[in-house]
Each structure stands twice: as C-alpha cells, then as structure tokens.
Amino acid sequence: MTKTLRVFDDSKGRGECRSCHARLTWFELVSGKRHPFDGDPVYLSTEHDPATMRLIGSIDQRESHFGTCPQAKSWSRKPERREP
C-alpha cells in the first residue's frame, strides 16, 4: 500500500531548497504543516473537503523532498534517536 500525504491544492507554492538547491513545490498538509515536494508532484487522487470545499490532493510520500535531500537531517526538528 502506498503511503500518501494529503495536501490542500490551493496552497501550492514554488521554491528552492536552501541546502541542495533543488526545485520544490510547497503545499499545506491537511494537518496544517507546510511540506516540500520534489519538482511537480502528481496527485494520486483528489477529493473536496465538505466543510470548506477546498480541493484535497493525495501525493505519494516518496515525492517528499525530505526523503531525497542530502542534507535533510540538518533541517529536521525531530530529536535524533540514540541507540542504547
């Protein structure tokens, strides 16, 4: 099963990674966080949020820039896990 990230279509913005200078597309996730994707991600499916009528797209998690950026760990806000 493909893991997906659900984004609001009307929140799309363009940018460039400050570390590796890759071309990015930014979206607001349904959770409210901003998230970078490589290039121009393609929706696997779409739906309308009945409360706001905003279009929600589902994007394959593998298109996330966090998975491809060589310096992704330096941008992470999560504490590093240490092995005992």
C-alpha atoms as a PDB file:
ATOM      1  CA  MET A   1       0.000   0.000   0.000  1.00  0.00           C
ATOM      2  CA  THR A   2       1.359   3.409  -0.988  1.00  0.00           C
ATOM      3  CA  LYS A   3       1.636   5.926   1.854  1.00  0.00           C
ATOM      4  CA  THR A   4       0.297   9.317   0.872  1.00  0.00           C
ATOM      5  CA  LEU A   5       0.328  12.856   2.166  1.00  0.00           C
ATOM      6  CA  ARG A   6      -2.910  14.836   1.851  1.00  0.00           C
ATOM      7  CA  VAL A   7      -2.474  18.459   0.742  1.00  0.00           C
ATOM      8  CA  PHE A   8      -4.675  21.452   0.014  1.00  0.00           C
ATOM      9  CA  ASP A   9      -4.442  22.202  -3.714  1.00  0.00           C
ATOM     10  CA  ASP A  10      -4.915  25.962  -3.275  1.00  0.00           C
ATOM     11  CA  SER A  11      -1.829  26.207  -1.033  1.00  0.00           C
ATOM     12  CA  LYS A  12       0.691  25.329  -3.759  1.00  0.00           C
ATOM     13  CA  GLY A  13       3.830  27.442  -3.943  1.00  0.00           C
ATOM     14  CA  ARG A  14       7.197  27.201  -5.684  1.00  0.00           C
ATOM     15  CA  GLY A  15      10.616  27.388  -4.130  1.00  0.00           C
ATOM     16  CA  GLU A  16      14.156  26.106  -3.971  1.00  0.00           C
ATOM     17  CA  CYS A  17      15.838  24.014  -1.283  1.00  0.00           C
ATOM     18  CA  ARG A  18      18.286  26.170   0.680  1.00  0.00           C
ATOM     19  CA  SER A  19      20.645  23.195   1.046  1.00  0.00           C
ATOM     20  CA  CYS A  20      20.770  21.342  -2.278  1.00  0.00           C
ATOM     21  CA  HIS A  21      19.060  23.994  -4.474  1.00  0.00           C
ATOM     22  CA  ALA A  22      16.541  21.519  -5.888  1.00  0.00           C
ATOM     23  CA  ARG A  23      13.334  22.928  -7.370  1.00  0.00           C
ATOM     24  CA  LEU A  24      10.466  22.406  -4.905  1.00  0.00           C
ATOM     25  CA  THR A  25       6.711  22.657  -4.710  1.00  0.00           C
ATOM     26  CA  TRP A  26       5.378  23.539  -1.263  1.00  0.00           C
ATOM     27  CA  PHE A  27       1.923  22.572  -0.019  1.00  0.00           C
ATOM     28  CA  GLU A  28      -0.024  22.916   3.196  1.00  0.00           C
ATOM     29  CA  LEU A  29      -0.815  19.471   4.534  1.00  0.00           C
ATOM     30  CA  VAL A  30      -4.322  18.806   5.835  1.00  0.00           C
ATOM     31  CA  SER A  31      -2.659  18.698   9.281  1.00  0.00           C
ATOM     32  CA  GLY A  32      -1.737  22.391   8.852  1.00  0.00           C
ATOM     33  CA  LYS A  33       2.025  21.974   8.364  1.00  0.00           C
ATOM     34  CA  ARG A  34       3.915  23.146   5.260  1.00  0.00           C
ATOM     35  CA  HIS A  35       5.723  20.408   3.322  1.00  0.00           C
ATOM     36  CA  PRO A  36       8.200  20.430   0.380  1.00  0.00           C
ATOM     37  CA  PHE A  37       7.916  18.041  -2.566  1.00  0.00           C
ATOM     38  CA  ASP A  38      10.365  17.439  -5.396  1.00  0.00           C
ATOM     39  CA  GLY A  39       9.510  19.054  -8.733  1.00  0.00           C
ATOM     40  CA  ASP A  40       5.843  18.930  -9.725  1.00  0.00           C
ATOM     41  CA  PRO A  41       4.186  16.126  -7.752  1.00  0.00           C
ATOM     42  CA  VAL A  42       1.191  14.349  -9.269  1.00  0.00           C
ATOM     43  CA  TYR A  43      -1.992  13.684  -7.313  1.00  0.00           C
ATOM     44  CA  LEU A  44      -2.892  10.021  -6.929  1.00  0.00           C
ATOM     45  CA  SER A  45      -6.455  11.039  -6.059  1.00  0.00           C
ATOM     46  CA  THR A  46      -8.466  14.142  -5.188  1.00  0.00           C
ATOM     47  CA  GLU A  47     -11.493  14.951  -3.055  1.00  0.00           C
ATOM     48  CA  HIS A  48     -13.298  18.029  -1.772  1.00  0.00           C
ATOM     49  CA  ASP A  49     -13.325  18.913   1.909  1.00  0.00           C
ATOM     50  CA  PRO A  50     -17.081  19.140   2.619  1.00  0.00           C
ATOM     51  CA  ALA A  51     -16.591  21.764   5.339  1.00  0.00           C
ATOM     52  CA  THR A  52     -14.533  24.232   3.289  1.00  0.00           C
ATOM     53  CA  MET A  53     -14.995  22.930  -0.292  1.00  0.00           C
ATOM     54  CA  ARG A  54     -11.214  23.066  -0.721  1.00  0.00           C
ATOM     55  CA  LEU A  55      -9.696  20.516  -3.101  1.00  0.00           C
ATOM     56  CA  ILE A  56      -7.503  17.958  -1.314  1.00  0.00           C
ATOM     57  CA  GLY A  57      -4.909  16.002  -3.271  1.00  0.00           C
ATOM     58  CA  SER A  58      -3.112  12.843  -2.177  1.00  0.00           C
ATOM     59  CA  ILE A  59       0.591  12.716  -3.096  1.00  0.00           C
ATOM     60  CA  ASP A  60       2.859   9.677  -2.841  1.00  0.00           C
ATOM     61  CA  GLN A  61       5.041  10.124   0.256  1.00  0.00           C
ATOM     62  CA  ARG A  62       8.104   9.133  -1.809  1.00  0.00           C
ATOM     63  CA  GLU A  63       7.840  12.507  -3.612  1.00  0.00           C
ATOM     64  CA  SER A  64       8.606  14.315  -0.347  1.00  0.00           C
ATOM     65  CA  HIS A  65      11.838  16.315  -0.532  1.00  0.00           C
ATOM     66  CA  PHE A  66      12.678  15.166   2.998  1.00  0.00           C
ATOM     67  CA  GLY A  67      13.389  11.718   1.523  1.00  0.00           C
ATOM     68  CA  THR A  68      15.713  12.909  -1.248  1.00  0.00           C
ATOM     69  CA  CYS A  69      17.610  15.926   0.104  1.00  0.00           C
ATOM     70  CA  PRO A  70      21.205  15.038   1.046  1.00  0.00           C
ATOM     71  CA  GLN A  71      21.024  17.490   3.972  1.00  0.00           C
ATOM     72  CA  ALA A  72      17.509  16.583   5.182  1.00  0.00           C
ATOM     73  CA  LYS A  73      18.687  15.568   8.652  1.00  0.00           C
ATOM     74  CA  SER A  74      20.160  19.012   9.290  1.00  0.00           C
ATOM     75  CA  TRP A  75      16.678  20.563   8.743  1.00  0.00           C
ATOM     76  CA  SER A  76      14.771  18.073  10.891  1.00  0.00           C
ATOM     77  CA  ARG A  77      13.106  19.382  14.040  1.00  0.00           C
ATOM     78  CA  LYS A  78      12.867  15.902  15.470  1.00  0.00           C
ATOM     79  CA  PRO A  79      15.499  14.965  18.070  1.00  0.00           C
ATOM     80  CA  GLU A  80      17.981  12.349  16.882  1.00  0.00           C
ATOM     81  CA  ARG A  81      17.314   8.868  18.146  1.00  0.00           C
ATOM     82  CA  ARG A  82      20.213   7.391  20.052  1.00  0.00           C
ATOM     83  CA  GLU A  83      20.769   3.701  20.382  1.00  0.00           C
ATOM     84  CA  PRO A  84      21.283   2.437  23.957  1.00  0.00           C
END
